[in-house]
């Protein structure tokens, strides 16, 4: 089914690997600053998708929007209709583990969640879907090469940005590294489709203290995360 209800690209427009930031403008930034000869292949609903080359490798980048429902739609269509084999989410996360610092890069080995997204797959227990081991280990090595060793561990994919419960305090006590809002759906879609996925996040804030990076510093830190993702694409 091409085009899909949410992507108007043609068959073959996407590379085997897609980098997926949440923000469409960040997708545009990556295409314009890292890819050679980027071509806009999707702009439906302002969700920009580009395909170009990076050091001779064909790579695509497309935004996911915010939250599990949004990345659930886009990653499903890319995996199941456009022949994409690997999706690497690159985004921000709020630290939970007190050993982390602002600007640290974390890799989601698994994603806990309060979402019921996994119910559709027929398993009614508790799921913590996992990353692709191949992408995970490659990202660790790529980070070391640029002098920014990532921290691997579990993440928490929350359905709520403004929350009144103490879930994050509980998860902090269980060793969860950070909270974000998309990874669990991406990992579940990849598992169901037999594809590969990885979440790479930069720690941008500390929800417990209110400490956070200003816009300029976020841009610099996020660039390192982009370099890791592009290196393993």
N, C-alpha and C. Protein backbone atom coordinates (compact mmCIF):
# COMPACT_ATOMS: atom_id res chain seq x y z
N UNK A 1 0.85 -1.19 0.00
CA UNK A 1 0.00 0.00 0.00
C UNK A 1 0.88 1.25 0.00
N UNK A 2 1.26 1.70 -1.18
CA UNK A 2 2.08 2.90 -1.33
C UNK A 2 1.40 3.81 -2.36
N UNK A 3 1.21 5.09 -2.04
CA UNK A 3 1.53 5.74 -0.77
C UNK A 3 0.60 5.27 0.35
N UNK A 4 1.03 5.50 1.58
CA UNK A 4 0.23 5.16 2.75
C UNK A 4 -0.62 6.37 3.14
N UNK A 5 -1.50 6.21 4.12
CA UNK A 5 -2.30 7.37 4.55
C UNK A 5 -1.48 8.53 5.11
N UNK A 6 -0.23 8.25 5.53
CA UNK A 6 0.56 9.29 6.20
C UNK A 6 1.88 9.61 5.52
N UNK A 7 2.25 8.82 4.51
CA UNK A 7 3.52 9.03 3.80
C UNK A 7 3.24 8.97 2.30
N UNK A 8 3.63 10.02 1.59
CA UNK A 8 3.34 10.09 0.14
C UNK A 8 4.56 9.77 -0.71
N UNK A 9 5.62 9.27 -0.10
CA UNK A 9 6.82 8.89 -0.86
C UNK A 9 6.50 7.73 -1.80
N UNK A 10 7.31 7.61 -2.82
CA UNK A 10 7.15 6.51 -3.78
C UNK A 10 7.98 5.31 -3.33
N UNK A 11 7.70 4.16 -3.92
CA UNK A 11 8.46 2.96 -3.63
C UNK A 11 9.93 3.20 -3.96
N UNK A 12 10.81 2.83 -3.03
CA UNK A 12 12.25 3.01 -3.24
C UNK A 12 12.78 4.35 -2.79
N UNK A 13 11.90 5.26 -2.37
CA UNK A 13 12.36 6.59 -1.96
C UNK A 13 13.16 6.57 -0.66
N UNK A 14 12.88 5.59 0.22
CA UNK A 14 13.58 5.52 1.50
C UNK A 14 14.73 4.53 1.44
N UNK A 15 15.81 4.86 2.13
CA UNK A 15 16.93 3.94 2.27
C UNK A 15 16.57 2.82 3.24
N UNK A 16 17.43 1.84 3.35
CA UNK A 16 17.20 0.74 4.28
C UNK A 16 17.21 1.21 5.73
N UNK A 17 17.95 2.29 6.00
CA UNK A 17 18.04 2.82 7.36
C UNK A 17 17.46 4.22 7.40
N UNK A 18 16.58 4.47 8.38
CA UNK A 18 15.96 5.78 8.57
C UNK A 18 16.29 6.28 9.97
N UNK A 19 16.85 7.48 10.05
CA UNK A 19 17.00 8.17 11.33
C UNK A 19 15.69 8.89 11.62
N UNK A 20 15.24 8.82 12.88
CA UNK A 20 13.92 9.34 13.19
C UNK A 20 13.95 10.24 14.43
N UNK A 21 14.16 11.54 14.24
CA UNK A 21 13.97 12.50 15.33
C UNK A 21 12.48 12.78 15.50
N UNK A 22 12.10 13.37 16.61
CA UNK A 22 10.70 13.70 16.78
C UNK A 22 10.28 14.92 15.98
N UNK A 23 11.14 15.92 15.95
CA UNK A 23 10.84 17.23 15.39
C UNK A 23 11.09 17.27 13.88
N UNK A 24 10.10 17.64 13.07
CA UNK A 24 10.33 17.75 11.62
C UNK A 24 11.45 18.73 11.26
N UNK A 25 11.62 19.79 12.03
CA UNK A 25 12.68 20.73 11.73
C UNK A 25 14.06 20.13 12.01
N UNK A 26 14.12 19.21 12.96
CA UNK A 26 15.39 18.53 13.21
C UNK A 26 15.72 17.57 12.08
N UNK A 27 14.68 16.98 11.50
CA UNK A 27 14.88 16.16 10.30
C UNK A 27 15.49 17.00 9.18
N UNK A 28 14.94 18.18 8.99
CA UNK A 28 15.46 19.10 7.98
C UNK A 28 16.90 19.50 8.28
N UNK A 29 17.20 19.75 9.56
CA UNK A 29 18.56 20.13 9.96
C UNK A 29 19.56 19.03 9.62
N UNK A 30 19.22 17.78 9.92
CA UNK A 30 20.12 16.67 9.63
C UNK A 30 20.36 16.55 8.13
N UNK A 31 19.27 16.64 7.37
CA UNK A 31 19.39 16.51 5.91
C UNK A 31 20.30 17.59 5.34
N UNK A 32 20.13 18.82 5.79
CA UNK A 32 20.87 19.93 5.21
C UNK A 32 22.32 20.02 5.69
N UNK A 33 22.60 19.47 6.88
CA UNK A 33 23.94 19.62 7.45
C UNK A 33 24.80 18.36 7.41
N UNK A 34 24.19 17.22 7.18
CA UNK A 34 24.96 15.98 7.20
C UNK A 34 24.86 15.17 5.91
N UNK A 35 23.75 15.26 5.20
CA UNK A 35 23.56 14.42 4.02
C UNK A 35 24.01 15.14 2.75
N UNK A 36 24.56 14.38 1.83
CA UNK A 36 24.90 14.90 0.51
C UNK A 36 23.71 14.70 -0.43
N UNK A 37 23.39 15.74 -1.17
CA UNK A 37 22.30 15.70 -2.15
C UNK A 37 20.98 15.19 -1.56
N UNK A 38 20.54 15.77 -0.44
CA UNK A 38 19.29 15.30 0.15
C UNK A 38 18.08 15.67 -0.72
N UNK A 39 17.15 14.74 -0.80
CA UNK A 39 15.93 14.95 -1.57
C UNK A 39 14.74 14.80 -0.63
N UNK A 40 13.83 15.77 -0.65
CA UNK A 40 12.62 15.69 0.15
C UNK A 40 11.68 14.66 -0.47
N UNK A 41 11.41 13.56 0.24
CA UNK A 41 10.58 12.50 -0.30
C UNK A 41 9.20 12.45 0.36
N UNK A 42 9.04 13.15 1.48
CA UNK A 42 7.73 13.21 2.13
C UNK A 42 7.59 14.53 2.88
N UNK A 43 6.41 15.13 2.76
CA UNK A 43 6.11 16.33 3.54
C UNK A 43 4.64 16.34 3.95
N UNK A 44 4.02 15.19 3.96
CA UNK A 44 2.62 15.09 4.37
C UNK A 44 2.48 15.53 5.82
N UNK A 45 1.53 16.41 6.09
CA UNK A 45 1.29 16.96 7.42
C UNK A 45 2.51 17.67 7.98
N UNK A 46 3.42 18.09 7.12
CA UNK A 46 4.61 18.78 7.56
C UNK A 46 5.65 17.87 8.18
N UNK A 47 5.47 16.55 8.07
CA UNK A 47 6.44 15.60 8.60
C UNK A 47 7.46 15.32 7.51
N UNK A 48 8.59 15.99 7.61
CA UNK A 48 9.55 15.98 6.52
C UNK A 48 10.43 14.74 6.54
N UNK A 49 10.52 14.10 5.37
CA UNK A 49 11.40 12.96 5.19
C UNK A 49 12.34 13.21 4.03
N UNK A 50 13.63 12.93 4.22
CA UNK A 50 14.66 13.17 3.20
C UNK A 50 15.48 11.90 2.99
N UNK A 51 16.01 11.75 1.80
CA UNK A 51 16.97 10.69 1.51
C UNK A 51 18.18 11.31 0.80
N UNK A 52 19.36 10.93 1.26
CA UNK A 52 20.61 11.40 0.66
C UNK A 52 21.69 10.38 0.94
N UNK A 53 22.93 10.83 0.94
CA UNK A 53 24.05 9.94 1.25
C UNK A 53 24.90 10.54 2.36
N UNK A 54 25.51 9.65 3.13
CA UNK A 54 26.43 10.05 4.20
C UNK A 54 27.67 9.18 4.07
N UNK A 55 28.79 9.78 3.71
CA UNK A 55 30.03 9.03 3.47
C UNK A 55 29.79 7.88 2.50
N UNK A 56 29.02 8.15 1.49
CA UNK A 56 28.77 7.16 0.45
C UNK A 56 27.64 6.20 0.72
N UNK A 57 27.06 6.24 1.93
CA UNK A 57 25.95 5.35 2.27
C UNK A 57 24.62 6.07 2.06
N UNK A 58 23.67 5.39 1.47
CA UNK A 58 22.33 5.95 1.30
C UNK A 58 21.59 5.90 2.63
N UNK A 59 21.12 7.05 3.09
CA UNK A 59 20.47 7.18 4.39
C UNK A 59 19.24 8.07 4.25
N UNK A 60 18.21 7.75 5.03
CA UNK A 60 17.02 8.61 5.08
C UNK A 60 16.84 9.14 6.50
N UNK A 61 16.14 10.25 6.60
CA UNK A 61 15.77 10.81 7.89
C UNK A 61 14.35 11.33 7.79
N UNK A 62 13.52 10.96 8.76
CA UNK A 62 12.14 11.45 8.78
C UNK A 62 11.67 11.59 10.21
N UNK A 63 10.90 12.61 10.47
CA UNK A 63 10.40 12.86 11.82
C UNK A 63 9.34 11.84 12.20
N UNK A 64 9.18 11.67 13.52
CA UNK A 64 8.16 10.77 14.04
C UNK A 64 6.99 11.49 14.70
N UNK A 65 7.15 12.81 14.96
CA UNK A 65 6.17 13.46 15.81
C UNK A 65 6.38 13.05 17.26
N UNK A 66 5.48 13.50 18.15
CA UNK A 66 5.64 13.24 19.57
C UNK A 66 4.72 12.12 20.03
N UNK A 67 5.26 11.22 20.84
CA UNK A 67 4.45 10.22 21.50
C UNK A 67 4.36 8.89 20.79
N UNK A 68 3.93 7.89 21.53
CA UNK A 68 3.83 6.52 21.03
C UNK A 68 2.86 6.38 19.86
N UNK A 69 1.67 6.98 19.88
CA UNK A 69 0.78 6.82 18.72
C UNK A 69 1.40 7.33 17.43
N UNK A 70 2.11 8.45 17.50
CA UNK A 70 2.67 9.04 16.29
C UNK A 70 3.82 8.20 15.73
N UNK A 71 4.80 7.85 16.56
CA UNK A 71 5.89 7.03 16.05
C UNK A 71 5.39 5.64 15.70
N UNK A 72 4.33 5.19 16.36
CA UNK A 72 3.75 3.91 16.02
C UNK A 72 3.25 3.87 14.59
N UNK A 73 2.62 4.94 14.14
CA UNK A 73 2.12 5.02 12.78
C UNK A 73 3.26 5.07 11.77
N UNK A 74 4.20 6.00 11.96
CA UNK A 74 5.24 6.21 10.96
C UNK A 74 6.21 5.03 10.88
N UNK A 75 6.60 4.48 12.02
CA UNK A 75 7.52 3.35 11.97
C UNK A 75 6.84 2.12 11.38
N UNK A 76 5.56 1.92 11.66
CA UNK A 76 4.83 0.78 11.08
C UNK A 76 4.82 0.88 9.56
N UNK A 77 4.50 2.06 9.04
CA UNK A 77 4.41 2.21 7.59
C UNK A 77 5.77 2.07 6.92
N UNK A 78 6.82 2.59 7.56
CA UNK A 78 8.16 2.45 6.99
C UNK A 78 8.61 0.99 6.98
N UNK A 79 8.40 0.29 8.09
CA UNK A 79 8.81 -1.11 8.18
C UNK A 79 8.01 -2.01 7.23
N UNK A 80 6.72 -1.80 7.17
CA UNK A 80 5.84 -2.76 6.51
C UNK A 80 5.49 -2.45 5.06
N UNK A 81 5.65 -1.19 4.64
CA UNK A 81 5.28 -0.83 3.27
C UNK A 81 6.45 -0.30 2.44
N UNK A 82 7.45 0.28 3.10
CA UNK A 82 8.54 0.91 2.36
C UNK A 82 9.85 0.12 2.40
N UNK A 83 9.84 -1.06 2.97
CA UNK A 83 11.03 -1.90 2.96
C UNK A 83 12.16 -1.43 3.84
N UNK A 84 11.89 -0.54 4.78
CA UNK A 84 12.93 -0.07 5.70
C UNK A 84 13.31 -1.19 6.65
N UNK A 85 14.60 -1.39 6.85
CA UNK A 85 15.10 -2.47 7.71
C UNK A 85 15.51 -1.98 9.09
N UNK A 86 15.97 -0.74 9.19
CA UNK A 86 16.50 -0.21 10.45
C UNK A 86 15.93 1.19 10.70
N UNK A 87 15.42 1.42 11.90
CA UNK A 87 15.02 2.77 12.30
C UNK A 87 15.75 3.11 13.59
N UNK A 88 16.44 4.24 13.57
CA UNK A 88 17.19 4.72 14.72
C UNK A 88 16.54 6.01 15.21
N UNK A 89 15.89 5.92 16.36
CA UNK A 89 15.30 7.14 16.94
C UNK A 89 16.40 7.96 17.59
N UNK A 90 16.42 9.25 17.31
CA UNK A 90 17.35 10.18 17.96
C UNK A 90 16.54 11.31 18.57
N UNK A 91 16.63 11.44 19.89
CA UNK A 91 15.81 12.44 20.55
C UNK A 91 16.37 12.85 21.90
N UNK A 92 15.56 13.53 22.65
CA UNK A 92 15.96 13.99 23.98
C UNK A 92 15.30 13.12 25.04
N UNK A 93 15.86 13.14 26.23
CA UNK A 93 15.31 12.37 27.34
C UNK A 93 15.59 13.09 28.65
N UNK A 94 14.71 12.89 29.60
CA UNK A 94 14.91 13.43 30.94
C UNK A 94 15.58 12.39 31.83
N UNK A 95 16.63 12.78 32.51
CA UNK A 95 17.37 11.81 33.31
C UNK A 95 16.55 11.33 34.51
N UNK A 96 16.69 10.05 34.81
CA UNK A 96 16.15 9.46 36.02
C UNK A 96 17.29 8.98 36.92
N UNK A 97 18.30 8.35 36.31
CA UNK A 97 19.43 7.84 37.06
C UNK A 97 20.31 8.99 37.52
N UNK A 98 20.53 9.13 38.83
CA UNK A 98 21.31 10.28 39.34
C UNK A 98 22.78 10.27 38.92
N UNK A 99 23.26 9.15 38.37
CA UNK A 99 24.65 9.09 37.91
C UNK A 99 24.84 9.77 36.56
N UNK A 100 23.74 10.03 35.87
CA UNK A 100 23.83 10.69 34.57
C UNK A 100 24.04 12.18 34.73
N UNK A 101 24.49 12.80 33.64
CA UNK A 101 24.66 14.25 33.60
C UNK A 101 23.99 14.79 32.35
N UNK A 102 23.70 16.08 32.36
CA UNK A 102 23.22 16.72 31.15
C UNK A 102 24.23 16.51 30.02
N UNK A 103 23.73 16.28 28.80
CA UNK A 103 24.52 16.05 27.59
C UNK A 103 25.02 14.61 27.47
N UNK A 104 24.81 13.76 28.48
CA UNK A 104 25.14 12.34 28.31
C UNK A 104 24.26 11.75 27.22
N UNK A 105 24.79 10.75 26.53
CA UNK A 105 24.02 10.04 25.50
C UNK A 105 23.69 8.65 26.03
N UNK A 106 22.42 8.29 25.99
CA UNK A 106 21.96 7.00 26.49
C UNK A 106 21.42 6.17 25.33
N UNK A 107 21.59 4.85 25.44
CA UNK A 107 21.07 3.91 24.46
C UNK A 107 20.03 3.03 25.13
N UNK A 108 18.87 2.93 24.53
CA UNK A 108 17.79 2.15 25.11
C UNK A 108 17.96 0.66 24.84
N UNK A 109 18.52 -0.07 25.81
CA UNK A 109 18.60 -1.52 25.69
C UNK A 109 17.20 -2.10 25.65
N UNK A 110 16.33 -1.57 26.50
CA UNK A 110 14.91 -1.93 26.51
C UNK A 110 14.11 -0.70 26.87
N UNK A 111 12.80 -0.79 26.68
CA UNK A 111 11.91 0.34 26.99
C UNK A 111 10.73 -0.13 27.82
N UNK A 112 10.70 0.27 29.09
CA UNK A 112 9.51 0.09 29.90
C UNK A 112 8.47 1.10 29.42
N UNK A 113 7.21 0.86 29.70
CA UNK A 113 6.19 1.82 29.28
C UNK A 113 4.92 1.69 30.10
N UNK A 114 4.17 2.78 30.18
CA UNK A 114 2.82 2.74 30.76
C UNK A 114 1.75 2.70 29.67
N UNK A 115 2.17 2.54 28.43
CA UNK A 115 1.24 2.48 27.30
C UNK A 115 0.70 1.07 27.13
N UNK A 116 -0.51 0.96 26.58
CA UNK A 116 -1.06 -0.36 26.25
C UNK A 116 -0.85 -0.70 24.79
N UNK A 117 0.12 -0.05 24.14
CA UNK A 117 0.38 -0.28 22.71
C UNK A 117 0.62 -1.76 22.42
N UNK A 118 1.28 -2.46 23.32
CA UNK A 118 1.62 -3.85 23.09
C UNK A 118 0.44 -4.81 23.14
N UNK A 119 -0.70 -4.37 23.68
CA UNK A 119 -1.86 -5.25 23.79
C UNK A 119 -2.32 -5.75 22.42
N UNK A 120 -2.14 -4.94 21.39
CA UNK A 120 -2.63 -5.33 20.06
C UNK A 120 -1.95 -6.56 19.50
N UNK A 121 -0.78 -6.89 20.04
CA UNK A 121 -0.03 -8.03 19.53
C UNK A 121 -0.44 -9.35 20.18
N UNK A 122 -1.39 -9.30 21.11
CA UNK A 122 -1.98 -10.52 21.65
C UNK A 122 -1.35 -11.05 22.92
N UNK A 123 -0.32 -10.38 23.44
CA UNK A 123 0.29 -10.80 24.70
C UNK A 123 -0.21 -9.87 25.80
N UNK A 124 -0.82 -10.44 26.82
CA UNK A 124 -1.49 -9.61 27.83
C UNK A 124 -0.70 -9.50 29.14
N UNK A 125 0.57 -9.89 29.10
CA UNK A 125 1.43 -9.68 30.26
C UNK A 125 2.12 -8.32 30.16
N UNK A 126 3.27 -8.22 30.79
CA UNK A 126 4.01 -6.96 30.81
C UNK A 126 5.21 -7.06 29.88
N UNK A 127 5.30 -6.13 28.95
CA UNK A 127 6.34 -6.14 27.93
C UNK A 127 7.38 -5.05 28.19
N UNK A 128 8.63 -5.38 27.94
CA UNK A 128 9.70 -4.37 27.91
C UNK A 128 10.51 -4.66 26.66
N UNK A 129 10.04 -4.19 25.49
CA UNK A 129 10.68 -4.54 24.23
C UNK A 129 12.12 -4.05 24.16
N UNK A 130 12.93 -4.75 23.36
CA UNK A 130 14.37 -4.52 23.35
C UNK A 130 14.88 -3.99 22.02
N UNK A 131 16.06 -3.40 22.08
CA UNK A 131 16.75 -2.88 20.90
C UNK A 131 17.35 -4.01 20.09
N UNK A 132 17.73 -3.67 18.87
CA UNK A 132 18.54 -4.56 18.05
C UNK A 132 19.95 -4.61 18.64
N UNK A 133 20.43 -5.82 18.94
CA UNK A 133 21.76 -5.96 19.51
C UNK A 133 22.83 -5.45 18.54
N UNK A 134 22.64 -5.71 17.26
CA UNK A 134 23.61 -5.28 16.26
C UNK A 134 23.74 -3.76 16.25
N UNK A 135 22.61 -3.06 16.24
CA UNK A 135 22.66 -1.60 16.25
C UNK A 135 23.20 -1.07 17.57
N UNK A 136 22.82 -1.71 18.66
CA UNK A 136 23.25 -1.27 19.99
C UNK A 136 24.76 -1.34 20.13
N UNK A 137 25.35 -2.45 19.78
CA UNK A 137 26.79 -2.60 19.92
C UNK A 137 27.55 -1.70 18.95
N UNK A 138 26.99 -1.52 17.75
CA UNK A 138 27.62 -0.62 16.79
C UNK A 138 27.61 0.81 17.30
N UNK A 139 26.52 1.22 17.96
CA UNK A 139 26.43 2.57 18.50
C UNK A 139 27.43 2.79 19.63
N UNK A 140 27.65 1.77 20.45
CA UNK A 140 28.65 1.90 21.51
C UNK A 140 30.03 2.17 20.92
N UNK A 141 30.38 1.43 19.88
CA UNK A 141 31.69 1.61 19.26
C UNK A 141 31.80 2.96 18.55
N UNK A 142 30.74 3.36 17.87
CA UNK A 142 30.76 4.64 17.17
C UNK A 142 30.90 5.79 18.15
N UNK A 143 30.25 5.70 19.30
CA UNK A 143 30.38 6.74 20.31
C UNK A 143 31.80 6.87 20.83
N UNK A 144 32.43 5.73 21.07
CA UNK A 144 33.81 5.75 21.57
C UNK A 144 34.75 6.45 20.58
N UNK A 145 34.49 6.24 19.29
CA UNK A 145 35.37 6.81 18.27
C UNK A 145 35.33 8.34 18.26
N UNK A 146 34.18 8.92 18.65
CA UNK A 146 34.10 10.38 18.68
C UNK A 146 34.31 10.93 20.09
N UNK A 147 34.73 10.06 21.00
CA UNK A 147 35.02 10.49 22.35
C UNK A 147 33.81 10.74 23.21
N UNK A 148 32.69 10.11 22.87
CA UNK A 148 31.45 10.29 23.63
C UNK A 148 30.83 8.91 23.86
N UNK A 149 31.34 8.20 24.86
CA UNK A 149 30.86 6.83 25.11
C UNK A 149 29.44 6.86 25.65
N UNK A 150 28.48 6.24 24.94
CA UNK A 150 27.09 6.24 25.41
C UNK A 150 26.92 5.36 26.65
N UNK A 151 25.81 5.58 27.34
CA UNK A 151 25.45 4.78 28.51
C UNK A 151 24.27 3.89 28.13
N UNK A 152 24.45 2.57 28.09
CA UNK A 152 23.35 1.68 27.73
C UNK A 152 22.53 1.29 28.95
N UNK A 153 21.23 1.07 28.74
CA UNK A 153 20.38 0.64 29.84
C UNK A 153 18.92 0.80 29.49
N UNK A 154 18.02 0.49 30.44
CA UNK A 154 16.59 0.60 30.18
C UNK A 154 16.11 2.05 30.19
N UNK A 155 15.17 2.34 29.30
CA UNK A 155 14.51 3.64 29.27
C UNK A 155 13.04 3.45 29.63
N UNK A 156 12.37 4.55 29.92
CA UNK A 156 10.94 4.53 30.20
C UNK A 156 10.22 5.37 29.16
N UNK A 157 9.36 4.72 28.36
CA UNK A 157 8.56 5.41 27.35
C UNK A 157 7.21 5.76 27.96
N UNK A 158 7.01 7.02 28.26
CA UNK A 158 5.80 7.45 28.96
C UNK A 158 4.75 7.97 28.00
N UNK A 159 3.50 7.66 28.29
CA UNK A 159 2.38 8.22 27.53
C UNK A 159 2.01 9.62 28.00
N UNK A 160 2.58 10.06 29.10
CA UNK A 160 2.22 11.36 29.66
C UNK A 160 3.47 12.21 29.86
N UNK A 161 3.41 13.45 29.40
CA UNK A 161 4.50 14.40 29.64
C UNK A 161 4.30 15.08 30.99
N UNK A 162 3.08 15.54 31.24
CA UNK A 162 2.73 16.14 32.53
C UNK A 162 2.03 15.06 33.35
N UNK A 163 2.72 14.52 34.35
CA UNK A 163 2.19 13.38 35.11
C UNK A 163 2.04 13.74 36.58
N UNK A 164 0.98 13.21 37.22
CA UNK A 164 0.74 13.50 38.63
C UNK A 164 1.12 12.33 39.53
N UNK A 165 1.60 11.21 38.94
CA UNK A 165 1.97 10.07 39.78
C UNK A 165 3.47 10.06 40.05
N UNK A 166 3.91 9.07 40.80
CA UNK A 166 5.33 8.99 41.19
C UNK A 166 6.04 7.86 40.46
N UNK A 167 5.55 7.53 39.26
CA UNK A 167 6.15 6.42 38.50
C UNK A 167 7.64 6.62 38.28
N UNK A 168 8.03 7.85 37.96
CA UNK A 168 9.46 8.07 37.68
C UNK A 168 10.32 7.82 38.92
N UNK A 169 9.81 8.13 40.11
CA UNK A 169 10.56 7.85 41.33
C UNK A 169 10.75 6.35 41.51
N UNK A 170 9.71 5.59 41.22
CA UNK A 170 9.79 4.13 41.33
C UNK A 170 10.81 3.58 40.34
N UNK A 171 10.72 4.05 39.09
CA UNK A 171 11.62 3.56 38.05
C UNK A 171 13.06 3.96 38.32
N UNK A 172 13.26 5.13 38.88
CA UNK A 172 14.62 5.55 39.25
C UNK A 172 15.22 4.56 40.23
N UNK A 173 14.41 4.09 41.17
CA UNK A 173 14.89 3.12 42.13
C UNK A 173 15.17 1.76 41.54
N UNK A 174 14.64 1.50 40.34
CA UNK A 174 14.87 0.24 39.66
C UNK A 174 15.99 0.34 38.61
N UNK A 175 16.66 1.48 38.56
CA UNK A 175 17.82 1.61 37.68
C UNK A 175 17.51 2.06 36.27
N UNK A 176 16.28 2.52 36.00
CA UNK A 176 15.97 3.03 34.67
C UNK A 176 16.73 4.32 34.44
N UNK A 177 17.32 4.46 33.26
CA UNK A 177 18.21 5.59 33.00
C UNK A 177 17.48 6.91 32.81
N UNK A 178 16.43 6.90 31.97
CA UNK A 178 15.84 8.16 31.55
C UNK A 178 14.43 7.94 31.02
N UNK A 179 13.68 9.03 30.90
CA UNK A 179 12.31 8.97 30.39
C UNK A 179 12.22 9.68 29.05
N UNK A 180 11.53 9.04 28.10
CA UNK A 180 11.23 9.63 26.80
C UNK A 180 9.82 9.18 26.42
N UNK A 181 9.39 9.34 25.17
CA UNK A 181 7.98 9.11 24.88
C UNK A 181 7.69 8.28 23.64
N UNK A 182 8.69 7.66 23.04
CA UNK A 182 8.45 6.97 21.77
C UNK A 182 9.02 5.56 21.66
N UNK A 183 10.06 5.24 22.38
CA UNK A 183 10.85 4.05 22.12
C UNK A 183 10.10 2.73 22.15
N UNK A 184 9.18 2.56 23.09
CA UNK A 184 8.50 1.27 23.25
C UNK A 184 7.73 0.89 21.99
N UNK A 185 7.03 1.84 21.40
CA UNK A 185 6.27 1.53 20.18
C UNK A 185 7.21 1.19 19.03
N UNK A 186 8.31 1.91 18.91
CA UNK A 186 9.28 1.62 17.86
C UNK A 186 9.82 0.20 18.00
N UNK A 187 10.20 -0.18 19.22
CA UNK A 187 10.76 -1.51 19.45
C UNK A 187 9.73 -2.61 19.19
N UNK A 188 8.49 -2.38 19.59
CA UNK A 188 7.44 -3.37 19.36
C UNK A 188 7.15 -3.54 17.87
N UNK A 189 7.07 -2.43 17.14
CA UNK A 189 6.85 -2.53 15.69
C UNK A 189 8.00 -3.26 14.99
N UNK A 190 9.22 -2.97 15.43
CA UNK A 190 10.38 -3.64 14.84
C UNK A 190 10.33 -5.14 15.12
N UNK A 191 9.99 -5.51 16.35
CA UNK A 191 9.93 -6.93 16.70
C UNK A 191 8.86 -7.65 15.87
N UNK A 192 7.70 -7.04 15.75
CA UNK A 192 6.62 -7.67 15.00
C UNK A 192 6.96 -7.81 13.53
N UNK A 193 7.67 -6.83 12.96
CA UNK A 193 8.01 -6.85 11.53
C UNK A 193 9.30 -7.62 11.24
N UNK A 194 10.00 -8.06 12.30
CA UNK A 194 11.28 -8.73 12.09
C UNK A 194 12.37 -7.78 11.62
N UNK A 195 12.29 -6.53 12.06
CA UNK A 195 13.24 -5.50 11.65
C UNK A 195 14.09 -5.07 12.85
N UNK A 196 14.90 -4.03 12.67
CA UNK A 196 15.84 -3.57 13.70
C UNK A 196 15.55 -2.14 14.12
N UNK A 197 15.72 -1.87 15.41
CA UNK A 197 15.48 -0.52 15.92
C UNK A 197 16.41 -0.22 17.08
N UNK A 198 16.70 1.06 17.25
CA UNK A 198 17.51 1.53 18.37
C UNK A 198 17.07 2.92 18.75
N UNK A 199 17.03 3.19 20.06
CA UNK A 199 16.75 4.53 20.57
C UNK A 199 18.05 5.11 21.12
N UNK A 200 18.45 6.26 20.58
CA UNK A 200 19.59 7.02 21.08
C UNK A 200 19.06 8.37 21.55
N UNK A 201 19.30 8.68 22.82
CA UNK A 201 18.80 9.95 23.36
C UNK A 201 19.91 10.72 24.06
N UNK A 202 19.82 12.02 23.95
CA UNK A 202 20.69 12.91 24.71
C UNK A 202 19.93 13.42 25.93
N UNK A 203 20.58 13.38 27.09
CA UNK A 203 19.96 13.89 28.31
C UNK A 203 19.90 15.41 28.23
N UNK A 204 18.67 15.92 28.16
CA UNK A 204 18.48 17.36 28.00
C UNK A 204 17.99 18.05 29.26
N UNK A 205 17.49 17.26 30.22
CA UNK A 205 16.95 17.89 31.42
C UNK A 205 16.88 16.89 32.56
N UNK A 206 16.69 17.44 33.74
CA UNK A 206 16.51 16.64 34.95
C UNK A 206 15.16 16.99 35.55
N UNK A 207 14.13 16.14 35.36
CA UNK A 207 12.80 16.46 35.86
C UNK A 207 12.75 16.67 37.37
N UNK A 208 13.64 16.01 38.10
CA UNK A 208 13.61 16.11 39.56
C UNK A 208 14.07 17.47 40.06
N UNK A 209 15.00 18.12 39.34
CA UNK A 209 15.55 19.39 39.80
C UNK A 209 15.13 20.58 38.95
N UNK A 210 14.60 20.30 37.75
CA UNK A 210 14.26 21.38 36.84
C UNK A 210 15.42 21.87 36.02
N UNK A 211 16.60 21.29 36.21
CA UNK A 211 17.79 21.66 35.44
C UNK A 211 17.62 21.23 33.98
N UNK A 212 18.03 22.09 33.07
CA UNK A 212 17.91 21.74 31.66
C UNK A 212 18.87 22.52 30.79
N UNK A 213 19.06 22.04 29.56
CA UNK A 213 19.95 22.70 28.62
C UNK A 213 19.23 23.80 27.87
N UNK A 214 19.87 24.96 27.68
CA UNK A 214 19.31 25.96 26.78
C UNK A 214 19.37 25.48 25.34
N UNK A 215 18.64 26.14 24.47
CA UNK A 215 18.49 25.69 23.09
C UNK A 215 19.83 25.52 22.37
N UNK A 216 20.77 26.45 22.59
CA UNK A 216 22.04 26.40 21.88
C UNK A 216 22.85 25.17 22.29
N UNK A 217 22.87 24.87 23.57
CA UNK A 217 23.63 23.72 24.04
C UNK A 217 22.97 22.42 23.61
N UNK A 218 21.65 22.39 23.55
CA UNK A 218 20.97 21.19 23.06
C UNK A 218 21.41 20.88 21.63
N UNK A 219 21.51 21.93 20.82
CA UNK A 219 21.89 21.72 19.44
C UNK A 219 23.27 21.09 19.33
N UNK A 220 24.21 21.58 20.13
CA UNK A 220 25.57 21.05 20.09
C UNK A 220 25.60 19.61 20.56
N UNK A 221 24.90 19.31 21.65
CA UNK A 221 24.89 17.95 22.18
C UNK A 221 24.19 17.00 21.22
N UNK A 222 23.08 17.42 20.66
CA UNK A 222 22.33 16.56 19.76
C UNK A 222 23.15 16.22 18.52
N UNK A 223 24.05 17.10 18.12
CA UNK A 223 24.88 16.83 16.95
C UNK A 223 25.73 15.58 17.16
N UNK A 224 26.26 15.38 18.36
CA UNK A 224 27.05 14.18 18.63
C UNK A 224 26.19 12.93 18.49
N UNK A 225 24.97 12.99 18.97
CA UNK A 225 24.04 11.87 18.85
C UNK A 225 23.75 11.57 17.38
N UNK A 226 23.57 12.60 16.59
CA UNK A 226 23.33 12.43 15.15
C UNK A 226 24.51 11.75 14.48
N UNK A 227 25.74 12.14 14.87
CA UNK A 227 26.93 11.55 14.27
C UNK A 227 27.01 10.06 14.56
N UNK A 228 26.64 9.66 15.78
CA UNK A 228 26.65 8.24 16.13
C UNK A 228 25.64 7.49 15.27
N UNK A 229 24.44 8.03 15.15
CA UNK A 229 23.40 7.37 14.36
C UNK A 229 23.78 7.25 12.89
N UNK A 230 24.34 8.31 12.35
CA UNK A 230 24.74 8.28 10.93
C UNK A 230 25.88 7.31 10.70
N UNK A 231 26.76 7.19 11.65
CA UNK A 231 27.91 6.29 11.51
C UNK A 231 27.47 4.83 11.41
N UNK A 232 26.38 4.48 12.10
CA UNK A 232 25.95 3.07 12.10
C UNK A 232 24.83 2.82 11.09
N UNK A 233 24.41 3.86 10.38
CA UNK A 233 23.29 3.70 9.42
C UNK A 233 23.64 2.75 8.30
